[in-house]
Amino acid sequence: MAEWITAIGTIGTFVVIAASAIAALLQLRHMRSGNQIAAYNECRETMDAPDFRTALGLIRSDLTERLREPGVADEIIRQSLPGEYASIRHVANLFESMGLFVRIGMMDRKIACELWSGIVLDVWNRLRPLTAAARRNGGDGIWINFEYMAALASQYIDSTEGEKYPEGVPRMPLDTVSD
């Protein structure tokens, strides 16, 4: 009889420990989701900030034209992104962090690509001359996670072209205003 009681107690202990382990795993999963949400919000808030938008405007207009001139990218890098170019670092470093978060699993790849693939790829393509100049000048590892994120964005855009709107869901009219 004592052996049965011991066996029942052992099984009961096992069940309690197993339930605790499952609860701990579920808690870790919830914590990971919370961390992902915090990372997404941080990226979104950074991209909405006025200084980021100003830097993005510089990258999309003036910088693109300037980088077409021979030697300009090398000169900007040699001077470590001087003056007005310093804000470029802010934009590139955000996408560097985003790429790292995706690479290590802190952010979901598909969600990050769904949200930001267009802007990541656009900025990467515009900053390629600067990145190449930096890497030629000894910065071999500069913005490698940004590059990774851009590669994922390119694959995502290529694989989903024309499929962005969910299949089977009717589209809303755009040409009229309802009362």
Protein backbone atom coordinates (compact mmCIF):
# COMPACT_ATOMS: atom_id res chain seq x y z
CA MET A 1 0.00 0.00 0.00
CA ALA A 2 2.83 2.42 0.84
CA GLU A 3 4.33 1.81 -2.61
CA TRP A 4 1.08 2.90 -4.29
CA ILE A 5 0.94 6.09 -2.27
CA THR A 6 4.56 6.84 -3.17
CA ALA A 7 3.84 6.12 -6.86
CA ILE A 8 0.75 8.37 -6.83
CA GLY A 9 2.75 11.10 -5.11
CA THR A 10 5.55 10.79 -7.70
CA ILE A 11 3.05 10.97 -10.57
CA GLY A 12 1.37 13.98 -8.93
CA THR A 13 4.72 15.72 -8.56
CA PHE A 14 5.52 15.00 -12.21
CA VAL A 15 2.18 16.46 -13.32
CA VAL A 16 2.75 19.63 -11.24
CA ILE A 17 6.28 20.07 -12.62
CA ALA A 18 5.10 19.45 -16.20
CA ALA A 19 2.26 21.96 -15.79
CA SER A 20 4.71 24.50 -14.37
CA ALA A 21 7.06 23.99 -17.31
CA ILE A 22 4.22 24.45 -19.80
CA ALA A 23 3.07 27.59 -18.00
CA ALA A 24 6.66 28.94 -18.07
CA LEU A 25 6.92 28.28 -21.82
CA LEU A 26 3.62 30.05 -22.44
CA GLN A 27 4.82 32.99 -20.34
CA LEU A 28 8.05 33.18 -22.36
CA ARG A 29 6.01 33.17 -25.57
CA HIS A 30 3.90 36.07 -24.29
CA MET A 31 7.02 37.96 -23.23
CA ARG A 32 8.53 37.45 -26.70
CA SER A 33 5.36 38.81 -28.30
CA GLY A 34 5.53 41.82 -25.99
CA ASN A 35 9.15 42.42 -26.95
CA GLN A 36 8.26 42.20 -30.64
CA ILE A 37 5.45 44.72 -30.21
CA ALA A 38 7.83 47.08 -28.40
CA ALA A 39 10.39 46.74 -31.21
CA TYR A 40 7.76 47.38 -33.91
CA ASN A 41 6.48 50.43 -32.04
CA GLU A 42 10.00 51.80 -31.58
CA CYS A 43 10.68 51.49 -35.32
CA ARG A 44 7.35 53.05 -36.22
CA GLU A 45 7.81 55.95 -33.80
CA THR A 46 11.35 56.56 -35.04
CA MET A 47 10.17 56.65 -38.66
CA ASP A 48 7.38 59.07 -37.75
CA ALA A 49 9.77 61.48 -35.97
CA PRO A 50 10.41 64.81 -37.72
CA ASP A 51 14.20 64.41 -37.76
CA PHE A 52 13.89 60.99 -39.40
CA ARG A 53 11.50 62.37 -42.03
CA THR A 54 13.91 65.24 -42.72
CA ALA A 55 16.82 62.81 -43.11
CA LEU A 56 14.72 60.64 -45.39
CA GLY A 57 13.92 63.70 -47.51
CA LEU A 58 17.64 64.45 -47.83
CA ILE A 59 18.34 60.86 -48.88
CA ARG A 60 15.53 60.82 -51.41
CA SER A 61 16.30 64.14 -53.06
CA ASP A 62 19.60 65.98 -52.69
CA LEU A 63 21.80 63.03 -51.79
CA THR A 64 20.73 60.89 -54.73
CA GLU A 65 21.76 63.64 -57.14
CA ARG A 66 25.05 64.38 -55.34
CA LEU A 67 26.11 60.75 -55.26
CA ARG A 68 25.97 60.59 -59.05
CA GLU A 69 29.06 62.81 -59.16
CA PRO A 70 32.36 60.88 -59.16
CA GLY A 71 34.18 60.79 -55.82
CA VAL A 72 31.40 62.39 -53.77
CA ALA A 73 30.53 59.20 -51.87
CA ASP A 74 34.17 58.59 -50.98
CA GLU A 75 34.59 62.18 -49.78
CA ILE A 76 31.46 62.03 -47.61
CA ILE A 77 32.66 58.77 -46.03
CA ARG A 78 36.23 60.06 -45.51
CA GLN A 79 34.74 62.94 -43.54
CA SER A 80 32.53 60.53 -41.51
CA LEU A 81 29.20 61.87 -42.76
CA PRO A 82 29.83 65.55 -41.98
CA GLY A 83 27.26 68.30 -41.37
CA GLU A 84 23.95 67.70 -43.06
CA TYR A 85 24.98 64.13 -43.94
CA ALA A 86 25.12 63.10 -40.27
CA SER A 87 21.37 62.46 -40.30
CA ILE A 88 21.93 59.70 -42.87
CA ARG A 89 23.52 57.64 -40.11
CA HIS A 90 20.27 57.88 -38.12
CA VAL A 91 18.23 56.38 -40.97
CA ALA A 92 20.73 53.67 -41.89
CA ASN A 93 21.25 52.69 -38.26
CA LEU A 94 17.50 52.24 -37.75
CA PHE A 95 17.41 49.77 -40.64
CA GLU A 96 20.61 48.17 -39.31
CA SER A 97 18.84 47.56 -35.99
CA MET A 98 15.71 46.33 -37.77
CA GLY A 99 17.77 43.84 -39.78
CA LEU A 100 19.47 42.61 -36.62
CA PHE A 101 16.14 42.20 -34.83
CA VAL A 102 14.80 40.15 -37.74
CA ARG A 103 17.99 38.10 -38.05
CA ILE A 104 18.01 37.07 -34.38
CA GLY A 105 14.25 36.43 -34.30
CA MET A 106 13.29 39.38 -32.11
CA MET A 107 11.05 40.62 -34.94
CA ASP A 108 9.05 38.44 -37.27
CA ARG A 109 10.50 38.54 -40.79
CA LYS A 110 7.15 38.51 -42.62
CA ILE A 111 5.65 41.26 -40.47
CA ALA A 112 8.74 43.47 -40.81
CA CYS A 113 8.72 42.97 -44.57
CA GLU A 114 4.98 43.58 -44.81
CA LEU A 115 5.35 46.87 -42.94
CA TRP A 116 8.65 48.26 -44.23
CA SER A 117 10.00 46.39 -47.26
CA GLY A 118 9.34 49.31 -49.61
CA ILE A 119 11.12 51.96 -47.56
CA VAL A 120 14.00 49.65 -46.58
CA LEU A 121 14.73 48.71 -50.19
CA ASP A 122 14.37 52.29 -51.43
CA VAL A 123 16.78 53.67 -48.83
CA TRP A 124 19.24 50.80 -49.32
CA ASN A 125 19.37 51.44 -53.06
CA ARG A 126 19.91 55.16 -52.51
CA LEU A 127 22.66 54.61 -49.92
CA ARG A 128 24.51 51.91 -51.88
CA PRO A 129 27.20 54.31 -53.10
CA LEU A 130 27.90 55.45 -49.53
CA THR A 131 27.89 51.90 -48.22
CA ALA A 132 30.29 50.80 -50.96
CA ALA A 133 32.58 53.76 -50.20
CA ALA A 134 32.53 52.97 -46.47
CA ARG A 135 33.35 49.33 -47.11
CA ARG A 136 36.20 50.30 -49.47
CA ASN A 137 37.57 52.52 -46.71
CA GLY A 138 37.82 49.78 -44.10
CA GLY A 139 34.25 49.54 -42.88
CA ASP A 140 33.73 45.98 -44.13
CA GLY A 141 30.94 45.28 -41.66
CA ILE A 142 29.12 48.59 -41.97
CA TRP A 143 25.35 48.19 -42.26
CA ILE A 144 25.44 44.43 -42.88
CA ASN A 145 22.15 43.91 -41.06
CA PHE A 146 20.65 46.76 -43.10
CA GLU A 147 21.87 44.91 -46.20
CA TYR A 148 20.31 41.70 -44.86
CA MET A 149 17.00 43.51 -44.29
CA ALA A 150 17.17 44.98 -47.81
CA ALA A 151 17.80 41.52 -49.28
CA LEU A 152 14.78 40.15 -47.41
CA ALA A 153 12.72 43.15 -48.54
CA SER A 154 13.72 42.56 -52.16
CA GLN A 155 12.77 38.88 -51.95
CA TYR A 156 9.50 39.77 -50.28
CA ILE A 157 8.57 42.37 -52.88
CA ASP A 158 9.49 40.01 -55.74
CA SER A 159 7.48 37.14 -54.23
CA THR A 160 4.35 39.15 -53.44
CA GLU A 161 4.06 41.44 -56.46
CA GLY A 162 0.37 41.91 -57.10
CA GLU A 163 -0.65 39.79 -54.11
CA LYS A 164 -0.67 42.43 -51.38
CA TYR A 165 -4.44 42.63 -51.02
CA PRO A 166 -6.00 39.52 -49.44
CA GLU A 167 -7.56 37.17 -51.96
CA GLY A 168 -11.34 36.82 -51.85
CA VAL A 169 -11.95 40.14 -50.09
CA PRO A 170 -13.82 42.71 -52.20
CA ARG A 171 -12.09 46.03 -52.83
CA MET A 172 -13.62 49.29 -51.65
CA PRO A 173 -14.57 52.00 -54.18
CA LEU A 174 -12.05 54.83 -54.41
CA ASP A 175 -13.69 57.15 -56.90
CA THR A 176 -16.71 58.27 -54.85
CA VAL A 177 -17.23 59.77 -51.43
CA SER A 178 -20.08 58.35 -49.32
CA ASP A 179 -22.43 60.52 -47.32
